[in-house]
Amino acid sequence: MEPIKLNDEKLFYSIGEVAKMFDVNTSLIRFWEKEFKQIAPKKTDSGKRKFTQKDIRIFERIYDLVKEKGFTLAGAKEELKSSKRNTSKISQIELKLAHIKTTLAELLKEK
């Protein structure tokens, strides 16, 4: 599946719009929302869901894992957790590298 093109100016999408993006029923969107705690749409006073671009990117990842790659829901949940841990590790490494770079730059100035 090609990456979903989102309108950068649009902040929120309705459940119908999200379902249409993925060519699925709104019931599947509701189900995945309950199954995957990473998806947390805002709700209006009347209870209508308003999905952010971040929510849609998570749906995109879930769709890829479940529909395209054949993961079970449990497998998709584990994969999402694993990729989050890896992202966190990468962020920590980037921070350490930035600190090393700053330290080296300071040492070079002192010479």
Protein backbone atom coordinates (compact mmCIF):
# COMPACT_ATOMS: atom_id res chain seq x y z
CA MET A 1 0.00 0.00 0.00
CA GLU A 2 1.26 3.44 -0.93
CA PRO A 3 1.72 5.88 1.98
CA ILE A 4 -1.44 7.88 2.65
CA LYS A 5 -1.16 11.50 1.53
CA LEU A 6 -2.44 13.84 4.20
CA ASN A 7 -3.35 17.49 3.97
CA ASP A 8 -0.82 19.35 6.17
CA GLU A 9 -3.40 22.05 6.87
CA LYS A 10 -6.01 19.62 8.17
CA LEU A 11 -5.76 18.86 11.89
CA PHE A 12 -8.50 16.26 12.36
CA TYR A 13 -10.18 13.56 10.31
CA SER A 14 -13.53 11.88 10.94
CA ILE A 15 -13.86 8.12 11.33
CA GLY A 16 -15.51 7.98 7.90
CA GLU A 17 -12.57 9.77 6.29
CA VAL A 18 -10.09 7.42 7.96
CA ALA A 19 -12.08 4.35 6.92
CA LYS A 20 -12.19 5.61 3.34
CA MET A 21 -8.39 6.17 3.31
CA PHE A 22 -7.85 2.50 4.10
CA ASP A 23 -10.89 1.18 2.22
CA VAL A 24 -12.24 -0.51 5.37
CA ASN A 25 -15.44 -0.29 7.42
CA THR A 26 -15.70 2.19 10.27
CA SER A 27 -16.26 -0.80 12.58
CA LEU A 28 -12.68 -1.94 11.88
CA ILE A 29 -11.40 1.53 12.78
CA ARG A 30 -13.33 1.39 16.08
CA PHE A 31 -12.05 -2.13 16.76
CA TRP A 32 -8.41 -1.20 16.14
CA GLU A 33 -8.87 1.88 18.31
CA LYS A 34 -9.92 -0.39 21.19
CA GLU A 35 -7.17 -2.95 20.53
CA PHE A 36 -4.25 -0.55 20.08
CA LYS A 37 -3.77 1.93 22.91
CA GLN A 38 -1.45 4.00 20.70
CA ILE A 39 -4.55 5.28 18.91
CA ALA A 40 -6.30 7.89 21.01
CA PRO A 41 -8.60 10.09 18.95
CA LYS A 42 -10.01 13.21 20.46
CA LYS A 43 -13.77 13.16 20.88
CA THR A 44 -16.23 15.99 20.48
CA ASP A 45 -18.86 16.71 23.14
CA SER A 46 -21.25 14.60 21.09
CA GLY A 47 -18.78 11.68 21.07
CA LYS A 48 -17.61 11.92 17.45
CA ARG A 49 -14.04 10.78 16.97
CA LYS A 50 -11.48 13.19 15.55
CA PHE A 51 -8.32 11.45 14.41
CA THR A 52 -4.99 13.26 14.10
CA GLN A 53 -2.35 12.68 11.47
CA LYS A 54 -0.37 10.77 14.12
CA ASP A 55 -3.36 8.44 14.63
CA ILE A 56 -3.57 7.89 10.88
CA ARG A 57 0.15 7.05 10.66
CA ILE A 58 -0.37 4.47 13.41
CA PHE A 59 -3.35 3.04 11.52
CA GLU A 60 -1.15 2.92 8.45
CA ARG A 61 1.45 0.88 10.35
CA ILE A 62 -1.20 -1.45 11.77
CA TYR A 63 -2.81 -1.88 8.35
CA ASP A 64 0.57 -2.75 6.85
CA LEU A 65 1.33 -5.29 9.58
CA VAL A 66 -2.09 -6.95 9.70
CA LYS A 67 -3.49 -6.65 6.17
CA GLU A 68 -0.32 -6.59 4.07
CA LYS A 69 2.14 -8.70 6.07
CA GLY A 70 -0.34 -11.07 7.72
CA PHE A 71 0.52 -10.36 11.35
CA THR A 72 -1.94 -11.39 14.04
CA LEU A 73 -3.21 -8.59 16.28
CA ALA A 74 -0.93 -9.84 19.05
CA GLY A 75 2.00 -9.87 16.65
CA ALA A 76 1.21 -6.36 15.42
CA LYS A 77 1.00 -5.10 19.02
CA GLU A 78 4.40 -6.62 19.79
CA GLU A 79 5.91 -5.17 16.63
CA LEU A 80 4.62 -1.69 17.50
CA LYS A 81 6.09 -2.00 21.02
CA SER A 82 9.38 -3.24 19.61
CA SER A 83 9.66 -0.40 17.09
CA LYS A 84 8.89 2.10 19.87
CA ARG A 85 11.70 0.66 22.01
CA ASN A 86 14.08 0.85 19.04
CA THR A 87 13.09 4.46 18.37
CA SER A 88 13.74 5.27 22.02
CA LYS A 89 17.18 3.62 21.87
CA ILE A 90 18.03 5.55 18.71
CA SER A 91 17.01 8.81 20.40
CA GLN A 92 19.26 8.02 23.36
CA ILE A 93 22.18 7.25 21.04
CA GLU A 94 21.58 10.50 19.13
CA LEU A 95 21.66 12.47 22.39
CA LYS A 96 24.92 10.81 23.43
CA LEU A 97 26.47 11.51 20.03
CA ALA A 98 25.41 15.16 20.22
CA HIS A 99 27.05 15.41 23.64
CA ILE A 100 30.26 13.83 22.33
CA LYS A 101 30.26 16.22 19.36
CA THR A 102 29.88 19.23 21.67
CA THR A 103 32.65 17.96 23.94
CA LEU A 104 34.99 17.41 20.99
CA ALA A 105 34.23 20.87 19.61
CA GLU A 106 35.07 22.40 23.01
CA LEU A 107 38.33 20.43 23.18
CA LEU A 108 39.32 21.65 19.72
CA LYS A 109 38.67 25.27 20.75
CA GLU A 110 40.97 24.88 23.74
CA LYS A 111 43.97 23.86 21.58
